[in-house]
Amino acid sequence: MPIYFAYGRLMNPKTMASRCPQAKALRPASMDGYRFIVTSEGVPSMVKAPGKRVHGVLWDCRIGEITIVDGAEALFRKGLDKVFLPVRSGGQNKSAIMYMSRTVRTGKPHVKAWEGVLEAAEHWDFPETYREELRQWDLR
């Protein structure tokens, strides 16, 4: 089964369950060398940033659910790439599917794309410094 790394609204268990009811949360994970941004289109993404880390959740998805995630992440919109990159989870590196914007221009979060992100960060008990970083985007 494909492993998906969610670092935006699909980290939220309720949101993910509504999209992919068969998906199982494996555990929190992180991407070293990247930082979280909200793009000028209002969607979460990440950019390379030495010394930084993006936190998220690994989901074990059925093959058919990945097309649902593609739709939820608006994969077919211009400027978004579906990539396989290593994430760190439980002391191990795992290869995971994730979605990243091609733009590095930042902006304000779109209401729909931001829904449940802060609650998910609390739910998964991400480090307080990272939750504060996310809250700063909420204020823009």
N, C-alpha and C. Protein backbone atom coordinates (compact mmCIF):
# COMPACT_ATOMS: atom_id res chain seq x y z
N MET A 1 0.84 -1.19 0.00
CA MET A 1 0.00 0.00 0.00
C MET A 1 0.88 1.25 0.00
N PRO A 2 0.49 2.28 -0.75
CA PRO A 2 1.28 3.51 -0.79
C PRO A 2 1.26 4.25 0.55
N ILE A 3 2.38 4.85 0.86
CA ILE A 3 2.50 5.68 2.06
C ILE A 3 2.46 7.13 1.62
N TYR A 4 1.57 7.89 2.25
CA TYR A 4 1.37 9.30 1.92
C TYR A 4 1.78 10.15 3.11
N PHE A 5 2.57 11.19 2.87
CA PHE A 5 2.98 12.14 3.90
C PHE A 5 2.11 13.38 3.79
N ALA A 6 1.25 13.58 4.78
CA ALA A 6 0.37 14.75 4.82
C ALA A 6 0.98 15.78 5.76
N TYR A 7 1.05 17.04 5.31
CA TYR A 7 1.55 18.11 6.16
C TYR A 7 0.62 19.32 6.12
N GLY A 8 -0.54 19.15 5.51
CA GLY A 8 -1.57 20.19 5.45
C GLY A 8 -2.86 19.66 6.05
N ARG A 9 -3.98 19.98 5.44
CA ARG A 9 -5.28 19.62 6.03
C ARG A 9 -5.52 18.13 6.14
N LEU A 10 -4.88 17.31 5.31
CA LEU A 10 -5.09 15.87 5.39
C LEU A 10 -4.32 15.21 6.54
N MET A 11 -3.61 16.01 7.35
CA MET A 11 -3.07 15.49 8.62
C MET A 11 -4.21 15.25 9.60
N ASN A 12 -5.29 16.00 9.41
CA ASN A 12 -6.41 15.95 10.34
C ASN A 12 -7.16 14.62 10.17
N PRO A 13 -7.23 13.79 11.23
CA PRO A 13 -7.88 12.49 11.11
C PRO A 13 -9.32 12.54 10.59
N LYS A 14 -10.08 13.54 11.00
CA LYS A 14 -11.48 13.64 10.54
C LYS A 14 -11.53 13.97 9.05
N THR A 15 -10.69 14.88 8.61
CA THR A 15 -10.66 15.24 7.20
C THR A 15 -10.21 14.06 6.35
N MET A 16 -9.17 13.37 6.80
CA MET A 16 -8.67 12.22 6.05
C MET A 16 -9.72 11.11 6.01
N ALA A 17 -10.39 10.86 7.11
CA ALA A 17 -11.42 9.81 7.16
C ALA A 17 -12.56 10.12 6.21
N SER A 18 -12.88 11.39 6.04
CA SER A 18 -13.97 11.75 5.12
C SER A 18 -13.57 11.54 3.66
N ARG A 19 -12.29 11.64 3.38
CA ARG A 19 -11.78 11.46 2.01
C ARG A 19 -11.40 10.01 1.72
N CYS A 20 -10.70 9.41 2.66
CA CYS A 20 -10.12 8.06 2.47
C CYS A 20 -10.41 7.22 3.72
N PRO A 21 -11.61 6.68 3.83
CA PRO A 21 -11.99 5.97 5.05
C PRO A 21 -11.15 4.73 5.35
N GLN A 22 -10.51 4.16 4.35
CA GLN A 22 -9.69 2.97 4.58
C GLN A 22 -8.25 3.30 4.98
N ALA A 23 -7.85 4.55 4.85
CA ALA A 23 -6.48 4.95 5.18
C ALA A 23 -6.23 4.79 6.68
N LYS A 24 -5.04 4.36 7.01
CA LYS A 24 -4.67 4.19 8.42
C LYS A 24 -3.48 5.09 8.73
N ALA A 25 -3.63 5.85 9.81
CA ALA A 25 -2.52 6.70 10.25
C ALA A 25 -1.42 5.79 10.81
N LEU A 26 -0.22 5.97 10.32
CA LEU A 26 0.90 5.17 10.83
C LEU A 26 1.55 5.85 12.02
N ARG A 27 1.94 7.11 11.84
CA ARG A 27 2.54 7.89 12.93
C ARG A 27 2.98 9.25 12.39
N PRO A 28 3.28 10.17 13.29
CA PRO A 28 3.87 11.43 12.84
C PRO A 28 5.22 11.19 12.18
N ALA A 29 5.60 12.10 11.30
CA ALA A 29 6.87 12.01 10.58
C ALA A 29 7.34 13.43 10.30
N SER A 30 8.55 13.54 9.77
CA SER A 30 9.07 14.88 9.46
C SER A 30 9.99 14.83 8.25
N MET A 31 10.09 16.00 7.62
CA MET A 31 10.99 16.21 6.47
C MET A 31 12.06 17.19 6.91
N ASP A 32 13.28 16.70 7.04
CA ASP A 32 14.39 17.58 7.39
C ASP A 32 14.88 18.33 6.16
N GLY A 33 15.33 19.56 6.39
CA GLY A 33 15.88 20.35 5.29
C GLY A 33 14.83 21.10 4.49
N TYR A 34 13.61 21.17 5.02
CA TYR A 34 12.51 21.91 4.38
C TYR A 34 11.81 22.76 5.43
N ARG A 35 11.14 23.80 4.96
CA ARG A 35 10.28 24.58 5.87
C ARG A 35 8.89 24.71 5.25
N PHE A 36 7.91 24.80 6.11
CA PHE A 36 6.51 24.92 5.73
C PHE A 36 6.24 26.32 5.21
N ILE A 37 5.47 26.42 4.12
CA ILE A 37 4.99 27.71 3.63
C ILE A 37 3.54 27.58 3.21
N VAL A 38 2.89 28.69 3.07
CA VAL A 38 1.60 28.78 2.40
C VAL A 38 1.87 29.58 1.13
N THR A 39 1.52 29.00 -0.01
CA THR A 39 1.84 29.63 -1.29
C THR A 39 0.92 30.81 -1.60
N SER A 40 1.26 31.51 -2.65
CA SER A 40 0.43 32.64 -3.09
C SER A 40 -0.96 32.16 -3.53
N GLU A 41 -1.11 30.85 -3.82
CA GLU A 41 -2.43 30.28 -4.12
C GLU A 41 -3.20 29.93 -2.85
N GLY A 42 -2.55 30.08 -1.69
CA GLY A 42 -3.21 29.84 -0.41
C GLY A 42 -3.15 28.41 0.08
N VAL A 43 -2.27 27.59 -0.52
CA VAL A 43 -2.19 26.18 -0.12
C VAL A 43 -0.85 25.88 0.57
N PRO A 44 -0.87 24.93 1.52
CA PRO A 44 0.38 24.53 2.16
C PRO A 44 1.35 23.90 1.17
N SER A 45 2.62 24.17 1.38
CA SER A 45 3.69 23.53 0.62
C SER A 45 4.93 23.61 1.48
N MET A 46 6.06 23.21 0.90
CA MET A 46 7.33 23.34 1.61
C MET A 46 8.42 23.68 0.62
N VAL A 47 9.44 24.33 1.15
CA VAL A 47 10.59 24.71 0.34
C VAL A 47 11.86 24.26 1.06
N LYS A 48 12.90 24.03 0.27
CA LYS A 48 14.18 23.63 0.87
C LYS A 48 14.67 24.73 1.80
N ALA A 49 15.13 24.30 2.97
CA ALA A 49 15.63 25.23 3.97
C ALA A 49 16.52 24.46 4.94
N PRO A 50 17.82 24.50 4.73
CA PRO A 50 18.73 23.77 5.62
C PRO A 50 18.48 24.11 7.09
N GLY A 51 18.48 23.09 7.92
CA GLY A 51 18.29 23.28 9.35
C GLY A 51 16.84 23.36 9.80
N LYS A 52 15.91 23.37 8.86
CA LYS A 52 14.49 23.45 9.22
C LYS A 52 13.85 22.07 9.09
N ARG A 53 12.59 21.96 9.53
CA ARG A 53 11.89 20.68 9.50
C ARG A 53 10.38 20.93 9.35
N VAL A 54 9.77 20.12 8.49
CA VAL A 54 8.32 20.14 8.32
C VAL A 54 7.77 18.88 8.98
N HIS A 55 6.77 19.06 9.82
CA HIS A 55 6.14 17.92 10.50
C HIS A 55 4.85 17.54 9.77
N GLY A 56 4.53 16.28 9.82
CA GLY A 56 3.31 15.79 9.20
C GLY A 56 2.96 14.40 9.71
N VAL A 57 2.13 13.71 8.95
CA VAL A 57 1.64 12.39 9.35
C VAL A 57 1.76 11.43 8.18
N LEU A 58 2.20 10.22 8.45
CA LEU A 58 2.23 9.17 7.43
C LEU A 58 0.91 8.40 7.46
N TRP A 59 0.33 8.25 6.28
CA TRP A 59 -0.91 7.49 6.11
C TRP A 59 -0.64 6.31 5.19
N ASP A 60 -1.15 5.16 5.57
CA ASP A 60 -1.10 3.97 4.73
C ASP A 60 -2.42 3.96 3.95
N CYS A 61 -2.34 4.19 2.65
CA CYS A 61 -3.54 4.33 1.81
C CYS A 61 -3.67 3.15 0.86
N ARG A 62 -4.89 2.84 0.52
CA ARG A 62 -5.13 1.86 -0.54
C ARG A 62 -4.81 2.53 -1.87
N ILE A 63 -4.46 1.73 -2.87
CA ILE A 63 -4.11 2.27 -4.19
C ILE A 63 -5.20 3.20 -4.71
N GLY A 64 -6.46 2.78 -4.62
CA GLY A 64 -7.57 3.59 -5.13
C GLY A 64 -7.74 4.90 -4.39
N GLU A 65 -7.28 4.96 -3.15
CA GLU A 65 -7.43 6.19 -2.38
C GLU A 65 -6.43 7.26 -2.80
N ILE A 66 -5.33 6.85 -3.41
CA ILE A 66 -4.35 7.84 -3.84
C ILE A 66 -4.95 8.76 -4.89
N THR A 67 -5.82 8.27 -5.75
CA THR A 67 -6.48 9.16 -6.72
C THR A 67 -7.39 10.16 -6.01
N ILE A 68 -7.96 9.73 -4.89
CA ILE A 68 -8.79 10.65 -4.08
C ILE A 68 -7.90 11.73 -3.47
N VAL A 69 -6.74 11.30 -2.96
CA VAL A 69 -5.79 12.27 -2.40
C VAL A 69 -5.31 13.21 -3.50
N ASP A 70 -5.05 12.67 -4.70
CA ASP A 70 -4.67 13.53 -5.83
C ASP A 70 -5.70 14.64 -6.02
N GLY A 71 -6.98 14.27 -5.98
CA GLY A 71 -8.05 15.26 -6.14
C GLY A 71 -8.10 16.24 -4.98
N ALA A 72 -7.93 15.73 -3.76
CA ALA A 72 -7.96 16.59 -2.57
C ALA A 72 -6.81 17.58 -2.60
N GLU A 73 -5.70 17.16 -3.15
CA GLU A 73 -4.53 18.03 -3.24
C GLU A 73 -4.52 18.83 -4.54
N ALA A 74 -5.57 18.68 -5.34
CA ALA A 74 -5.70 19.40 -6.61
C ALA A 74 -4.48 19.18 -7.50
N LEU A 75 -4.07 17.92 -7.59
CA LEU A 75 -2.87 17.58 -8.34
C LEU A 75 -2.92 18.06 -9.78
N PHE A 76 -4.10 18.07 -10.35
CA PHE A 76 -4.20 18.38 -11.76
C PHE A 76 -4.22 19.88 -12.04
N ARG A 77 -4.14 20.67 -10.99
CA ARG A 77 -4.01 22.12 -11.14
C ARG A 77 -2.57 22.41 -11.53
N LYS A 78 -2.35 23.42 -12.30
CA LYS A 78 -0.97 23.76 -12.69
C LYS A 78 -0.15 24.11 -11.46
N GLY A 79 1.13 23.75 -11.53
CA GLY A 79 2.05 24.19 -10.49
C GLY A 79 2.19 23.31 -9.28
N LEU A 80 1.66 22.09 -9.32
CA LEU A 80 1.77 21.19 -8.18
C LEU A 80 2.39 19.88 -8.65
N ASP A 81 3.36 19.39 -7.92
CA ASP A 81 4.03 18.14 -8.26
C ASP A 81 3.75 17.08 -7.21
N LYS A 82 3.56 15.86 -7.68
CA LYS A 82 3.46 14.69 -6.81
C LYS A 82 4.85 14.06 -6.81
N VAL A 83 5.46 13.95 -5.63
CA VAL A 83 6.83 13.48 -5.54
C VAL A 83 6.94 12.35 -4.50
N PHE A 84 7.99 11.58 -4.61
CA PHE A 84 8.34 10.56 -3.63
C PHE A 84 9.65 10.99 -2.99
N LEU A 85 9.62 11.25 -1.70
CA LEU A 85 10.82 11.69 -0.99
C LEU A 85 10.92 10.96 0.35
N PRO A 86 12.13 10.91 0.91
CA PRO A 86 12.27 10.26 2.22
C PRO A 86 11.78 11.16 3.34
N VAL A 87 11.08 10.56 4.28
CA VAL A 87 10.66 11.24 5.50
C VAL A 87 11.20 10.45 6.68
N ARG A 88 11.30 11.09 7.80
CA ARG A 88 11.82 10.46 9.02
C ARG A 88 10.65 10.15 9.93
N SER A 89 10.57 8.87 10.35
CA SER A 89 9.47 8.46 11.23
C SER A 89 9.94 7.32 12.11
N GLY A 90 9.77 7.48 13.41
CA GLY A 90 10.16 6.42 14.34
C GLY A 90 11.61 6.02 14.22
N GLY A 91 12.49 6.98 13.94
CA GLY A 91 13.91 6.71 13.83
C GLY A 91 14.33 6.07 12.52
N GLN A 92 13.41 5.96 11.56
CA GLN A 92 13.72 5.36 10.27
C GLN A 92 13.34 6.30 9.14
N ASN A 93 14.04 6.15 8.01
CA ASN A 93 13.64 6.86 6.79
C ASN A 93 12.67 5.99 6.03
N LYS A 94 11.61 6.62 5.52
CA LYS A 94 10.62 5.93 4.70
C LYS A 94 10.35 6.78 3.47
N SER A 95 10.15 6.15 2.34
CA SER A 95 9.80 6.88 1.13
C SER A 95 8.30 7.09 1.12
N ALA A 96 7.88 8.31 0.84
CA ALA A 96 6.45 8.63 0.89
C ALA A 96 6.05 9.54 -0.27
N ILE A 97 4.80 9.41 -0.66
CA ILE A 97 4.19 10.32 -1.64
C ILE A 97 3.86 11.62 -0.92
N MET A 98 4.11 12.72 -1.58
CA MET A 98 3.68 14.02 -1.06
C MET A 98 3.48 14.96 -2.24
N TYR A 99 2.87 16.07 -1.99
CA TYR A 99 2.54 17.05 -3.02
C TYR A 99 3.20 18.37 -2.65
N MET A 100 3.88 18.95 -3.64
CA MET A 100 4.59 20.21 -3.41
C MET A 100 4.31 21.18 -4.54
N SER A 101 4.14 22.44 -4.18
CA SER A 101 3.92 23.48 -5.17
C SER A 101 5.24 23.85 -5.84
N ARG A 102 5.15 24.26 -7.09
CA ARG A 102 6.35 24.73 -7.80
C ARG A 102 6.67 26.18 -7.44
N THR A 103 5.71 26.89 -6.89
CA THR A 103 5.94 28.29 -6.54
C THR A 103 6.47 28.40 -5.12
N VAL A 104 7.34 29.38 -4.91
CA VAL A 104 7.84 29.65 -3.57
C VAL A 104 7.29 30.98 -3.05
N ARG A 105 6.47 31.61 -3.89
CA ARG A 105 5.82 32.86 -3.45
C ARG A 105 4.83 32.52 -2.34
N THR A 106 4.86 33.29 -1.30
CA THR A 106 3.97 33.02 -0.16
C THR A 106 2.76 33.94 -0.17
N GLY A 107 1.74 33.51 0.56
CA GLY A 107 0.52 34.28 0.65
C GLY A 107 -0.27 33.89 1.88
N LYS A 108 -1.56 34.21 1.85
CA LYS A 108 -2.45 33.89 2.97
C LYS A 108 -3.09 32.53 2.73
N PRO A 109 -3.34 31.77 3.80
CA PRO A 109 -4.00 30.47 3.64
C PRO A 109 -5.42 30.62 3.11
N HIS A 110 -5.76 29.79 2.14
CA HIS A 110 -7.14 29.70 1.66
C HIS A 110 -7.94 28.97 2.74
N VAL A 111 -9.13 29.45 3.04
CA VAL A 111 -9.94 28.89 4.11
C VAL A 111 -10.08 27.37 3.98
N LYS A 112 -10.43 26.90 2.80
CA LYS A 112 -10.64 25.47 2.57
C LYS A 112 -9.33 24.68 2.74
N ALA A 113 -8.22 25.20 2.27
CA ALA A 113 -6.93 24.50 2.35
C ALA A 113 -6.36 24.52 3.77
N TRP A 114 -6.77 25.49 4.59
CA TRP A 114 -6.22 25.65 5.93
C TRP A 114 -7.05 24.94 6.99
N GLU A 115 -8.27 24.59 6.63
CA GLU A 115 -9.21 24.00 7.58
C GLU A 115 -8.64 22.75 8.26
N GLY A 116 -8.54 22.79 9.58
CA GLY A 116 -8.11 21.63 10.36
C GLY A 116 -6.61 21.48 10.54
N VAL A 117 -5.81 22.35 9.93
CA VAL A 117 -4.35 22.21 10.02
C VAL A 117 -3.88 22.41 11.46
N LEU A 118 -4.29 23.50 12.09
CA LEU A 118 -3.84 23.76 13.46
C LEU A 118 -4.34 22.71 14.44
N GLU A 119 -5.58 22.25 14.25
CA GLU A 119 -6.12 21.20 15.11
C GLU A 119 -5.33 19.91 14.96
N ALA A 120 -4.92 19.61 13.73
CA ALA A 120 -4.14 18.39 13.49
C ALA A 120 -2.77 18.48 14.17
N ALA A 121 -2.15 19.64 14.10
CA ALA A 121 -0.84 19.82 14.75
C ALA A 121 -0.95 19.58 16.25
N GLU A 122 -2.07 20.02 16.84
CA GLU A 122 -2.32 19.77 18.27
C GLU A 122 -2.58 18.28 18.50
N HIS A 123 -3.43 17.70 17.67
CA HIS A 123 -3.80 16.28 17.81
C HIS A 123 -2.56 15.38 17.79
N TRP A 124 -1.63 15.65 16.87
CA TRP A 124 -0.43 14.81 16.73
C TRP A 124 0.69 15.24 17.66
N ASP A 125 0.43 16.26 18.47
CA ASP A 125 1.40 16.74 19.47
C ASP A 125 2.74 17.12 18.84
N PHE A 126 2.67 17.90 17.76
CA PHE A 126 3.90 18.40 17.14
C PHE A 126 4.59 19.33 18.14
N PRO A 127 5.89 19.53 17.98
CA PRO A 127 6.60 20.44 18.90
C PRO A 127 5.95 21.82 18.94
N GLU A 128 5.96 22.41 20.10
CA GLU A 128 5.32 23.72 20.28
C GLU A 128 5.91 24.77 19.34
N THR A 129 7.20 24.73 19.10
CA THR A 129 7.81 25.72 18.20
C THR A 129 7.24 25.58 16.78
N TYR A 130 6.97 24.37 16.36
CA TYR A 130 6.40 24.16 15.03
C TYR A 130 4.93 24.62 15.01
N ARG A 131 4.19 24.32 16.07
CA ARG A 131 2.79 24.78 16.13
C ARG A 131 2.73 26.30 16.09
N GLU A 132 3.67 26.95 16.76
CA GLU A 132 3.71 28.42 16.73
C GLU A 132 4.00 28.92 15.31
N GLU A 133 4.90 28.23 14.61
CA GLU A 133 5.20 28.58 13.22
C GLU A 133 3.92 28.48 12.36
N LEU A 134 3.15 27.44 12.56
CA LEU A 134 1.89 27.30 11.82
C LEU A 134 0.89 28.39 12.19
N ARG A 135 0.81 28.72 13.47
CA ARG A 135 -0.12 29.77 13.92
C ARG A 135 0.22 31.11 13.27
N GLN A 136 1.49 31.38 13.00
CA GLN A 136 1.88 32.63 12.34
C GLN A 136 1.27 32.74 10.95
N TRP A 137 1.15 31.61 10.25
CA TRP A 137 0.51 31.64 8.92
C TRP A 137 -0.98 31.94 9.07
N ASP A 138 -1.58 31.50 10.15
CA ASP A 138 -3.00 31.70 10.37
C ASP A 138 -3.32 33.19 10.56
N LEU A 139 -2.35 33.97 10.99
CA LEU A 139 -2.56 35.39 11.28
C LEU A 139 -2.35 36.29 10.07
N ARG A 140 -1.84 35.76 8.98
CA ARG A 140 -1.52 36.60 7.82
C ARG A 140 -2.76 37.05 7.08
